[in-house]
Amino acid sequence: RLEAERHGYSVTFANTAESDTVTRAHL
């Protein structure tokens, strides 16, 4: 379950703009 959640966050992180530092830091 944790690996699946981590993968989901990883995908979201990869699709988040580099200028959105707050979201990227949270992810």
PDB file of all heavy atoms in Angstrom:
ATOM      1  N   ARG A   1       0.840  -1.207   0.000  1.00  0.00           N
ATOM      2  CA  ARG A   1       0.000   0.000   0.000  1.00  0.00           C
ATOM      3  C   ARG A   1       0.870   1.250   0.000  1.00  0.00           C
ATOM      4  O   ARG A   1       0.629   2.196  -0.762  1.00  0.00           O
ATOM      5  CB  ARG A   1      -0.922   0.004   1.222  1.00  0.00           C
ATOM      6  CG  ARG A   1      -1.795   1.260   1.318  1.00  0.00           C
ATOM      7  CD  ARG A   1      -2.663   1.263   2.557  1.00  0.00           C
ATOM      8  NE  ARG A   1      -1.947   1.057   3.795  1.00  0.00           N
ATOM      9  CZ  ARG A   1      -1.274   2.030   4.462  1.00  0.00           C
ATOM     10  NH1 ARG A   1      -1.222   3.247   3.976  1.00  0.00           N
ATOM     11  NH2 ARG A   1      -0.676   1.763   5.601  1.00  0.00           N
ATOM     12  N   LEU A   2       1.910   1.260   0.836  1.00  0.00           N
ATOM     13  CA  LEU A   2       2.792   2.421   0.906  1.00  0.00           C
ATOM     14  C   LEU A   2       3.541   2.640  -0.403  1.00  0.00           C
ATOM     15  O   LEU A   2       3.735   3.782  -0.834  1.00  0.00           O
ATOM     16  CB  LEU A   2       3.777   2.261   2.065  1.00  0.00           C
ATOM     17  CG  LEU A   2       3.178   2.371   3.462  1.00  0.00           C
ATOM     18  CD1 LEU A   2       4.188   1.910   4.503  1.00  0.00           C
ATOM     19  CD2 LEU A   2       2.703   3.775   3.743  1.00  0.00           C
ATOM     20  N   GLU A   3       3.961   1.565  -1.054  1.00  0.00           N
ATOM     21  CA  GLU A   3       4.639   1.698  -2.348  1.00  0.00           C
ATOM     22  C   GLU A   3       3.701   2.269  -3.402  1.00  0.00           C
ATOM     23  O   GLU A   3       4.111   3.092  -4.226  1.00  0.00           O
ATOM     24  CB  GLU A   3       5.204   0.360  -2.791  1.00  0.00           C
ATOM     25  CG  GLU A   3       6.438  -0.053  -2.013  1.00  0.00           C
ATOM     26  CD  GLU A   3       6.951  -1.435  -2.372  1.00  0.00           C
ATOM     27  OE1 GLU A   3       6.191  -2.215  -2.984  1.00  0.00           O
ATOM     28  OE2 GLU A   3       8.105  -1.718  -2.022  1.00  0.00           O
ATOM     29  N   ALA A   4       2.448   1.834  -3.375  1.00  0.00           N
ATOM     30  CA  ALA A   4       1.472   2.372  -4.328  1.00  0.00           C
ATOM     31  C   ALA A   4       1.225   3.859  -4.075  1.00  0.00           C
ATOM     32  O   ALA A   4       1.157   4.660  -5.025  1.00  0.00           O
ATOM     33  CB  ALA A   4       0.165   1.590  -4.234  1.00  0.00           C
ATOM     34  N   GLU A   5       1.098   4.227  -2.792  1.00  0.00           N
ATOM     35  CA  GLU A   5       0.905   5.645  -2.467  1.00  0.00           C
ATOM     36  C   GLU A   5       2.128   6.465  -2.888  1.00  0.00           C
ATOM     37  O   GLU A   5       1.992   7.552  -3.445  1.00  0.00           O
ATOM     38  CB  GLU A   5       0.660   5.814  -0.970  1.00  0.00           C
ATOM     39  CG  GLU A   5      -0.677   5.290  -0.504  1.00  0.00           C
ATOM     40  CD  GLU A   5      -0.831   5.338   1.003  1.00  0.00           C
ATOM     41  OE1 GLU A   5       0.080   5.846   1.699  1.00  0.00           O
ATOM     42  OE2 GLU A   5      -1.869   4.873   1.492  1.00  0.00           O
ATOM     43  N   ARG A   6       3.315   5.927  -2.606  1.00  0.00           N
ATOM     44  CA  ARG A   6       4.547   6.630  -2.967  1.00  0.00           C
ATOM     45  C   ARG A   6       4.636   6.804  -4.480  1.00  0.00           C
ATOM     46  O   ARG A   6       5.030   7.862  -4.972  1.00  0.00           O
ATOM     47  CB  ARG A   6       5.748   5.862  -2.439  1.00  0.00           C
ATOM     48  CG  ARG A   6       7.064   6.566  -2.698  1.00  0.00           C
ATOM     49  CD  ARG A   6       8.224   5.839  -2.105  1.00  0.00           C
ATOM     50  NE  ARG A   6       8.349   4.518  -2.715  1.00  0.00           N
ATOM     51  CZ  ARG A   6       9.260   3.629  -2.379  1.00  0.00           C
ATOM     52  NH1 ARG A   6      10.119   3.899  -1.412  1.00  0.00           N
ATOM     53  NH2 ARG A   6       9.329   2.467  -2.977  1.00  0.00           N
ATOM     54  N   HIS A   7       4.242   5.777  -5.236  1.00  0.00           N
ATOM     55  CA  HIS A   7       4.251   5.877  -6.701  1.00  0.00           C
ATOM     56  C   HIS A   7       3.281   6.958  -7.168  1.00  0.00           C
ATOM     57  O   HIS A   7       3.592   7.735  -8.084  1.00  0.00           O
ATOM     58  CB  HIS A   7       3.899   4.533  -7.326  1.00  0.00           C
ATOM     59  CG  HIS A   7       3.835   4.587  -8.815  1.00  0.00           C
ATOM     60  ND1 HIS A   7       4.959   4.723  -9.609  1.00  0.00           N
ATOM     61  CD2 HIS A   7       2.771   4.557  -9.664  1.00  0.00           C
ATOM     62  CE1 HIS A   7       4.588   4.779 -10.873  1.00  0.00           C
ATOM     63  NE2 HIS A   7       3.273   4.676 -10.939  1.00  0.00           N
ATOM     64  N   GLY A   8       2.097   7.012  -6.555  1.00  0.00           N
ATOM     65  CA  GLY A   8       1.126   8.042  -6.921  1.00  0.00           C
ATOM     66  C   GLY A   8       1.668   9.449  -6.686  1.00  0.00           C
ATOM     67  O   GLY A   8       1.501  10.348  -7.523  1.00  0.00           O
ATOM     68  N   TYR A   9       2.320   9.635  -5.533  1.00  0.00           N
ATOM     69  CA  TYR A   9       2.936  10.934  -5.258  1.00  0.00           C
ATOM     70  C   TYR A   9       4.065  11.222  -6.248  1.00  0.00           C
ATOM     71  O   TYR A   9       4.258  12.364  -6.666  1.00  0.00           O
ATOM     72  CB  TYR A   9       3.481  10.988  -3.834  1.00  0.00           C
ATOM     73  CG  TYR A   9       2.405  11.168  -2.786  1.00  0.00           C
ATOM     74  CD1 TYR A   9       2.210  10.224  -1.800  1.00  0.00           C
ATOM     75  CD2 TYR A   9       1.603  12.306  -2.771  1.00  0.00           C
ATOM     76  CE1 TYR A   9       1.238  10.386  -0.838  1.00  0.00           C
ATOM     77  CE2 TYR A   9       0.621  12.481  -1.817  1.00  0.00           C
ATOM     78  CZ  TYR A   9       0.446  11.522  -0.848  1.00  0.00           C
ATOM     79  OH  TYR A   9      -0.533  11.696   0.100  1.00  0.00           O
ATOM     80  N   SER A  10       4.800  10.199  -6.635  1.00  0.00           N
ATOM     81  CA  SER A  10       5.899  10.369  -7.580  1.00  0.00           C
ATOM     82  C   SER A  10       5.386  10.831  -8.941  1.00  0.00           C
ATOM     83  O   SER A  10       5.979  11.722  -9.576  1.00  0.00           O
ATOM     84  CB  SER A  10       6.673   9.060  -7.719  1.00  0.00           C
ATOM     85  OG  SER A  10       7.661   9.157  -8.699  1.00  0.00           O
ATOM     86  N   VAL A  11       4.299  10.231  -9.388  1.00  0.00           N
ATOM     87  CA  VAL A  11       3.707  10.624 -10.672  1.00  0.00           C
ATOM     88  C   VAL A  11       3.215  12.062 -10.604  1.00  0.00           C
ATOM     89  O   VAL A  11       3.449  12.864 -11.521  1.00  0.00           O
ATOM     90  CB  VAL A  11       2.566   9.656 -11.058  1.00  0.00           C
ATOM     91  CG1 VAL A  11       1.767  10.182 -12.229  1.00  0.00           C
ATOM     92  CG2 VAL A  11       3.125   8.276 -11.347  1.00  0.00           C
ATOM     93  N   THR A  12       2.549  12.411  -9.505  1.00  0.00           N
ATOM     94  CA  THR A  12       2.066  13.786  -9.337  1.00  0.00           C
ATOM     95  C   THR A  12       3.235  14.762  -9.281  1.00  0.00           C
ATOM     96  O   THR A  12       3.186  15.843  -9.867  1.00  0.00           O
ATOM     97  CB  THR A  12       1.210  13.901  -8.062  1.00  0.00           C
ATOM     98  OG1 THR A  12       0.167  12.935  -8.116  1.00  0.00           O
ATOM     99  CG2 THR A  12       0.598  15.283  -7.928  1.00  0.00           C
ATOM    100  N   PHE A  13       4.297  14.372  -8.580  1.00  0.00           N
ATOM    101  CA  PHE A  13       5.497  15.200  -8.473  1.00  0.00           C
ATOM    102  C   PHE A  13       6.092  15.456  -9.857  1.00  0.00           C
ATOM    103  O   PHE A  13       6.471  16.587 -10.180  1.00  0.00           O
ATOM    104  CB  PHE A  13       6.515  14.509  -7.565  1.00  0.00           C
ATOM    105  CG  PHE A  13       7.764  15.295  -7.334  1.00  0.00           C
ATOM    106  CD1 PHE A  13       7.821  16.244  -6.330  1.00  0.00           C
ATOM    107  CD2 PHE A  13       8.897  15.080  -8.107  1.00  0.00           C
ATOM    108  CE1 PHE A  13       8.980  16.972  -6.100  1.00  0.00           C
ATOM    109  CE2 PHE A  13      10.060  15.787  -7.886  1.00  0.00           C
ATOM    110  CZ  PHE A  13      10.105  16.750  -6.880  1.00  0.00           C
ATOM    111  N   ALA A  14       6.168  14.408 -10.671  1.00  0.00           N
ATOM    112  CA  ALA A  14       6.737  14.550 -12.012  1.00  0.00           C
ATOM    113  C   ALA A  14       5.890  15.455 -12.902  1.00  0.00           C
ATOM    114  O   ALA A  14       6.419  16.129 -13.790  1.00  0.00           O
ATOM    115  CB  ALA A  14       6.887  13.178 -12.662  1.00  0.00           C
ATOM    116  N   ASN A  15       4.580  15.495 -12.659  1.00  0.00           N
ATOM    117  CA  ASN A  15       3.685  16.309 -13.479  1.00  0.00           C
ATOM    118  C   ASN A  15       3.443  17.702 -12.913  1.00  0.00           C
ATOM    119  O   ASN A  15       2.655  18.463 -13.470  1.00  0.00           O
ATOM    120  CB  ASN A  15       2.346  15.594 -13.662  1.00  0.00           C
ATOM    121  CG  ASN A  15       2.490  14.336 -14.484  1.00  0.00           C
ATOM    122  OD1 ASN A  15       3.304  14.263 -15.390  1.00  0.00           O
ATOM    123  ND2 ASN A  15       1.717  13.317 -14.142  1.00  0.00           N
ATOM    124  N   THR A  16       4.100  18.031 -11.809  1.00  0.00           N
ATOM    125  CA  THR A  16       3.941  19.350 -11.199  1.00  0.00           C
ATOM    126  C   THR A  16       5.030  20.281 -11.736  1.00  0.00           C
ATOM    127  O   THR A  16       6.190  19.890 -11.851  1.00  0.00           O
ATOM    128  CB  THR A  16       4.062  19.246  -9.657  1.00  0.00           C
ATOM    129  OG1 THR A  16       3.079  18.339  -9.187  1.00  0.00           O
ATOM    130  CG2 THR A  16       3.850  20.593  -8.994  1.00  0.00           C
ATOM    131  N   ALA A  17       4.620  21.477 -12.043  1.00  0.00           N
ATOM    132  CA  ALA A  17       5.572  22.457 -12.598  1.00  0.00           C
ATOM    133  C   ALA A  17       6.670  22.750 -11.583  1.00  0.00           C
ATOM    134  O   ALA A  17       6.426  22.811 -10.374  1.00  0.00           O
ATOM    135  CB  ALA A  17       4.838  23.742 -12.952  1.00  0.00           C
ATOM    136  N   GLU A  18       7.886  22.947 -12.076  1.00  0.00           N
ATOM    137  CA  GLU A  18       9.023  23.239 -11.197  1.00  0.00           C
ATOM    138  C   GLU A  18       8.858  24.559 -10.465  1.00  0.00           C
ATOM    139  O   GLU A  18       9.449  24.765  -9.409  1.00  0.00           O
ATOM    140  CB  GLU A  18      10.323  23.217 -11.996  1.00  0.00           C
ATOM    141  CG  GLU A  18      10.720  21.830 -12.431  1.00  0.00           C
ATOM    142  CD  GLU A  18      12.086  21.810 -13.097  1.00  0.00           C
ATOM    143  OE1 GLU A  18      12.925  22.686 -12.788  1.00  0.00           O
ATOM    144  OE2 GLU A  18      12.304  20.908 -13.906  1.00  0.00           O
ATOM    145  N   SER A  19       8.054  25.449 -11.014  1.00  0.00           N
ATOM    146  CA  SER A  19       7.837  26.743 -10.361  1.00  0.00           C
ATOM    147  C   SER A  19       6.928  26.619  -9.130  1.00  0.00           C
ATOM    148  O   SER A  19       6.910  27.510  -8.284  1.00  0.00           O
ATOM    149  CB  SER A  19       7.231  27.739 -11.356  1.00  0.00           C
ATOM    150  OG  SER A  19       5.990  27.241 -11.833  1.00  0.00           O
ATOM    151  N   ASP A  20       6.189  25.535  -9.007  1.00  0.00           N
ATOM    152  CA  ASP A  20       5.293  25.314  -7.860  1.00  0.00           C
ATOM    153  C   ASP A  20       6.071  24.595  -6.749  1.00  0.00           C
ATOM    154  O   ASP A  20       5.892  23.412  -6.484  1.00  0.00           O
ATOM    155  CB  ASP A  20       4.081  24.487  -8.303  1.00  0.00           C
ATOM    156  CG  ASP A  20       2.998  24.440  -7.248  1.00  0.00           C
ATOM    157  OD1 ASP A  20       3.187  25.019  -6.158  1.00  0.00           O
ATOM    158  OD2 ASP A  20       1.964  23.801  -7.507  1.00  0.00           O
ATOM    159  N   THR A  21       6.940  25.340  -6.103  1.00  0.00           N
ATOM    160  CA  THR A  21       7.847  24.748  -5.118  1.00  0.00           C
ATOM    161  C   THR A  21       7.132  24.241  -3.869  1.00  0.00           C
ATOM    162  O   THR A  21       7.563  23.256  -3.267  1.00  0.00           O
ATOM    163  CB  THR A  21       8.934  25.756  -4.715  1.00  0.00           C
ATOM    164  OG1 THR A  21       8.304  26.927  -4.200  1.00  0.00           O
ATOM    165  CG2 THR A  21       9.814  26.108  -5.892  1.00  0.00           C
ATOM    166  N   VAL A  22       6.049  24.882  -3.487  1.00  0.00           N
ATOM    167  CA  VAL A  22       5.327  24.467  -2.277  1.00  0.00           C
ATOM    168  C   VAL A  22       4.710  23.083  -2.472  1.00  0.00           C
ATOM    169  O   VAL A  22       4.859  22.190  -1.628  1.00  0.00           O
ATOM    170  CB  VAL A  22       4.244  25.512  -1.902  1.00  0.00           C
ATOM    171  CG1 VAL A  22       3.393  25.017  -0.747  1.00  0.00           C
ATOM    172  CG2 VAL A  22       4.881  26.844  -1.568  1.00  0.00           C
ATOM    173  N   THR A  23       4.044  22.894  -3.587  1.00  0.00           N
ATOM    174  CA  THR A  23       3.424  21.600  -3.873  1.00  0.00           C
ATOM    175  C   THR A  23       4.488  20.516  -4.021  1.00  0.00           C
ATOM    176  O   THR A  23       4.348  19.413  -3.481  1.00  0.00           O
ATOM    177  CB  THR A  23       2.564  21.685  -5.149  1.00  0.00           C
ATOM    178  OG1 THR A  23       1.591  22.705  -4.976  1.00  0.00           O
ATOM    179  CG2 THR A  23       1.887  20.364  -5.434  1.00  0.00           C
ATOM    180  N   ARG A  24       5.570  20.847  -4.737  1.00  0.00           N
ATOM    181  CA  ARG A  24       6.633  19.862  -4.922  1.00  0.00           C
ATOM    182  C   ARG A  24       7.273  19.484  -3.587  1.00  0.00           C
ATOM    183  O   ARG A  24       7.582  18.314  -3.346  1.00  0.00           O
ATOM    184  CB  ARG A  24       7.678  20.389  -5.903  1.00  0.00           C
ATOM    185  CG  ARG A  24       7.167  20.420  -7.341  1.00  0.00           C
ATOM    186  CD  ARG A  24       8.167  21.036  -8.294  1.00  0.00           C
ATOM    187  NE  ARG A  24       9.363  20.230  -8.489  1.00  0.00           N
ATOM    188  CZ  ARG A  24       9.484  19.268  -9.391  1.00  0.00           C
ATOM    189  NH1 ARG A  24       8.471  18.996 -10.191  1.00  0.00           N
ATOM    190  NH2 ARG A  24      10.611  18.602  -9.513  1.00  0.00           N
ATOM    191  N   ALA A  25       7.459  20.454  -2.705  1.00  0.00           N
ATOM    192  CA  ALA A  25       8.042  20.171  -1.392  1.00  0.00           C
ATOM    193  C   ALA A  25       7.113  19.272  -0.576  1.00  0.00           C
ATOM    194  O   ALA A  25       7.560  18.339   0.097  1.00  0.00           O
ATOM    195  CB  ALA A  25       8.323  21.466  -0.640  1.00  0.00           C
ATOM    196  N   HIS A  26       5.822  19.550  -0.648  1.00  0.00           N
ATOM    197  CA  HIS A  26       4.854  18.718   0.070  1.00  0.00           C
ATOM    198  C   HIS A  26       4.849  17.285  -0.472  1.00  0.00           C
ATOM    199  O   HIS A  26       4.855  16.316   0.306  1.00  0.00           O
ATOM    200  CB  HIS A  26       3.454  19.323  -0.037  1.00  0.00           C
ATOM    201  CG  HIS A  26       2.387  18.462   0.553  1.00  0.00           C
ATOM    202  ND1 HIS A  26       2.241  18.275   1.903  1.00  0.00           N
ATOM    203  CD2 HIS A  26       1.429  17.710  -0.043  1.00  0.00           C
ATOM    204  CE1 HIS A  26       1.236  17.437   2.116  1.00  0.00           C
ATOM    205  NE2 HIS A  26       0.722  17.088   0.960  1.00  0.00           N
ATOM    206  N   LEU A  27       4.850  17.149  -1.777  1.00  0.00           N
ATOM    207  CA  LEU A  27       4.868  15.814  -2.382  1.00  0.00           C
ATOM    208  C   LEU A  27       6.147  15.060  -2.033  1.00  0.00           C
ATOM    209  O   LEU A  27       6.110  13.863  -1.728  1.00  0.00           O
ATOM    210  CB  LEU A  27       4.706  15.920  -3.906  1.00  0.00           C
ATOM    211  CG  LEU A  27       3.339  16.410  -4.391  1.00  0.00           C
ATOM    212  CD1 LEU A  27       3.407  16.730  -5.880  1.00  0.00           C
ATOM    213  CD2 LEU A  27       2.277  15.365  -4.104  1.00  0.00           C
TER     214      LEU A  27
END
